[in-house]
Amino acid sequence: MKKKPREIERVIANVHASMAVEGMNPSTKARVIGKQYLEGKISSKEAVTKIKMQHAANFGK
């Protein structure tokens, strides 16, 4: 899902605003993974897997 830099920033801002309304704050690593997806560096499946793995690692702490 390769997007232009301006589109990427707009999507990221929209996601953060939506999450803030719900009282959530994405982790720094989730933000990085999301940006990698929007830049076309990883697939959506890879992004979800990475975020799930990170969440699972943090859950055990």
N, C-alpha and C. Protein backbone atom coordinates (compact mmCIF):
# COMPACT_ATOMS: atom_id res chain seq x y z
N MET A 1 0.84 -1.18 0.00
CA MET A 1 0.00 0.00 0.00
C MET A 1 0.88 1.23 0.00
N LYS A 2 1.64 1.44 -1.02
CA LYS A 2 2.55 2.57 -1.06
C LYS A 2 1.79 3.87 -1.27
N LYS A 3 2.03 4.82 -0.38
CA LYS A 3 1.38 6.12 -0.45
C LYS A 3 2.44 7.22 -0.51
N LYS A 4 2.03 8.39 -0.93
CA LYS A 4 2.92 9.54 -0.97
C LYS A 4 3.13 10.04 0.46
N PRO A 5 4.28 10.68 0.72
CA PRO A 5 4.58 11.16 2.09
C PRO A 5 3.47 12.02 2.70
N ARG A 6 2.86 12.89 1.94
CA ARG A 6 1.79 13.75 2.47
C ARG A 6 0.58 12.91 2.87
N GLU A 7 0.26 11.90 2.05
CA GLU A 7 -0.85 11.01 2.37
C GLU A 7 -0.56 10.19 3.62
N ILE A 8 0.68 9.74 3.75
CA ILE A 8 1.07 8.95 4.91
C ILE A 8 0.86 9.76 6.19
N GLU A 9 1.30 10.99 6.20
CA GLU A 9 1.15 11.83 7.39
C GLU A 9 -0.32 12.09 7.71
N ARG A 10 -1.14 12.26 6.67
CA ARG A 10 -2.57 12.48 6.88
C ARG A 10 -3.22 11.24 7.47
N VAL A 11 -2.88 10.07 6.95
CA VAL A 11 -3.45 8.82 7.46
C VAL A 11 -3.03 8.61 8.91
N ILE A 12 -1.76 8.83 9.20
CA ILE A 12 -1.26 8.65 10.56
C ILE A 12 -1.98 9.60 11.53
N ALA A 13 -2.15 10.85 11.12
CA ALA A 13 -2.84 11.83 11.97
C ALA A 13 -4.29 11.40 12.21
N ASN A 14 -4.95 10.89 11.18
CA ASN A 14 -6.34 10.44 11.34
C ASN A 14 -6.44 9.24 12.27
N VAL A 15 -5.52 8.31 12.14
CA VAL A 15 -5.54 7.13 13.01
C VAL A 15 -5.31 7.55 14.46
N HIS A 16 -4.34 8.42 14.69
CA HIS A 16 -4.05 8.87 16.05
C HIS A 16 -5.25 9.60 16.65
N ALA A 17 -5.91 10.43 15.85
CA ALA A 17 -7.09 11.15 16.34
C ALA A 17 -8.21 10.18 16.69
N SER A 18 -8.45 9.20 15.84
CA SER A 18 -9.50 8.21 16.10
C SER A 18 -9.20 7.41 17.36
N MET A 19 -7.95 7.01 17.52
CA MET A 19 -7.58 6.24 18.70
C MET A 19 -7.69 7.09 19.96
N ALA A 20 -7.33 8.36 19.87
CA ALA A 20 -7.40 9.25 21.03
C ALA A 20 -8.84 9.40 21.50
N VAL A 21 -9.77 9.47 20.56
CA VAL A 21 -11.19 9.57 20.91
C VAL A 21 -11.62 8.34 21.71
N GLU A 22 -11.03 7.20 21.38
CA GLU A 22 -11.35 5.95 22.07
C GLU A 22 -10.52 5.76 23.35
N GLY A 23 -9.66 6.73 23.65
CA GLY A 23 -8.84 6.64 24.85
C GLY A 23 -7.63 5.73 24.70
N MET A 24 -7.22 5.50 23.46
CA MET A 24 -6.07 4.63 23.20
C MET A 24 -4.91 5.43 22.63
N ASN A 25 -3.72 4.89 22.82
CA ASN A 25 -2.51 5.51 22.30
C ASN A 25 -1.62 4.41 21.73
N PRO A 26 -1.38 4.41 20.41
CA PRO A 26 -0.55 3.35 19.84
C PRO A 26 0.90 3.47 20.33
N SER A 27 1.54 2.33 20.49
CA SER A 27 2.93 2.33 20.92
C SER A 27 3.81 2.90 19.81
N THR A 28 5.01 3.30 20.18
CA THR A 28 5.96 3.81 19.20
C THR A 28 6.26 2.75 18.15
N LYS A 29 6.40 1.50 18.59
CA LYS A 29 6.69 0.42 17.64
C LYS A 29 5.52 0.19 16.69
N ALA A 30 4.30 0.28 17.19
CA ALA A 30 3.12 0.12 16.32
C ALA A 30 3.06 1.25 15.29
N ARG A 31 3.45 2.44 15.69
CA ARG A 31 3.47 3.57 14.77
C ARG A 31 4.49 3.33 13.66
N VAL A 32 5.66 2.83 14.04
CA VAL A 32 6.71 2.54 13.06
C VAL A 32 6.23 1.47 12.08
N ILE A 33 5.62 0.43 12.61
CA ILE A 33 5.12 -0.66 11.76
C ILE A 33 4.04 -0.13 10.82
N GLY A 34 3.13 0.68 11.33
CA GLY A 34 2.09 1.27 10.49
C GLY A 34 2.67 2.10 9.37
N LYS A 35 3.69 2.86 9.68
CA LYS A 35 4.32 3.70 8.66
C LYS A 35 5.01 2.84 7.61
N GLN A 36 5.67 1.74 8.04
CA GLN A 36 6.30 0.83 7.09
C GLN A 36 5.25 0.27 6.12
N TYR A 37 4.08 -0.06 6.64
CA TYR A 37 3.00 -0.57 5.79
C TYR A 37 2.57 0.49 4.78
N LEU A 38 2.32 1.70 5.26
CA LEU A 38 1.86 2.77 4.37
C LEU A 38 2.90 3.12 3.30
N GLU A 39 4.17 2.92 3.63
CA GLU A 39 5.24 3.19 2.67
C GLU A 39 5.43 2.04 1.69
N GLY A 40 4.70 0.95 1.90
CA GLY A 40 4.81 -0.20 1.00
C GLY A 40 6.00 -1.10 1.29
N LYS A 41 6.60 -0.94 2.47
CA LYS A 41 7.78 -1.74 2.83
C LYS A 41 7.40 -3.12 3.36
N ILE A 42 6.21 -3.25 3.94
CA ILE A 42 5.73 -4.53 4.44
C ILE A 42 4.25 -4.68 4.06
N SER A 43 3.78 -5.91 4.05
CA SER A 43 2.38 -6.17 3.72
C SER A 43 1.51 -5.94 4.95
N SER A 44 0.20 -5.89 4.73
CA SER A 44 -0.72 -5.73 5.86
C SER A 44 -0.62 -6.93 6.79
N LYS A 45 -0.45 -8.11 6.22
CA LYS A 45 -0.32 -9.33 7.03
C LYS A 45 0.93 -9.26 7.91
N GLU A 46 2.04 -8.80 7.33
CA GLU A 46 3.27 -8.64 8.11
C GLU A 46 3.08 -7.62 9.23
N ALA A 47 2.40 -6.52 8.92
CA ALA A 47 2.17 -5.48 9.92
C ALA A 47 1.37 -6.02 11.09
N VAL A 48 0.29 -6.73 10.80
CA VAL A 48 -0.55 -7.29 11.86
C VAL A 48 0.24 -8.29 12.69
N THR A 49 1.01 -9.14 12.03
CA THR A 49 1.81 -10.14 12.74
C THR A 49 2.82 -9.47 13.66
N LYS A 50 3.51 -8.45 13.15
CA LYS A 50 4.51 -7.75 13.97
C LYS A 50 3.87 -7.08 15.19
N ILE A 51 2.72 -6.44 14.98
CA ILE A 51 2.06 -5.76 16.10
C ILE A 51 1.57 -6.78 17.12
N LYS A 52 1.02 -7.90 16.64
CA LYS A 52 0.57 -8.95 17.57
C LYS A 52 1.74 -9.51 18.36
N MET A 53 2.87 -9.73 17.71
CA MET A 53 4.05 -10.26 18.40
C MET A 53 4.53 -9.27 19.46
N GLN A 54 4.53 -8.00 19.12
CA GLN A 54 4.96 -6.97 20.08
C GLN A 54 4.01 -6.93 21.27
N HIS A 55 2.72 -6.99 20.98
CA HIS A 55 1.71 -6.97 22.05
C HIS A 55 1.87 -8.18 22.96
N ALA A 56 2.08 -9.34 22.37
CA ALA A 56 2.25 -10.57 23.14
C ALA A 56 3.49 -10.48 24.03
N ALA A 57 4.56 -9.90 23.50
CA ALA A 57 5.80 -9.75 24.27
C ALA A 57 5.58 -8.80 25.45
N ASN A 58 4.84 -7.72 25.23
CA ASN A 58 4.57 -6.77 26.30
C ASN A 58 3.58 -7.29 27.31
N PHE A 59 2.66 -8.14 26.88
CA PHE A 59 1.63 -8.70 27.76
C PHE A 59 2.26 -9.57 28.84
N GLY A 60 3.33 -10.24 28.50
CA GLY A 60 4.00 -11.14 29.44
C GLY A 60 4.82 -10.42 30.49
N LYS A 61 5.00 -9.10 30.36
CA LYS A 61 5.83 -8.35 31.31
C LYS A 61 5.07 -8.01 32.56
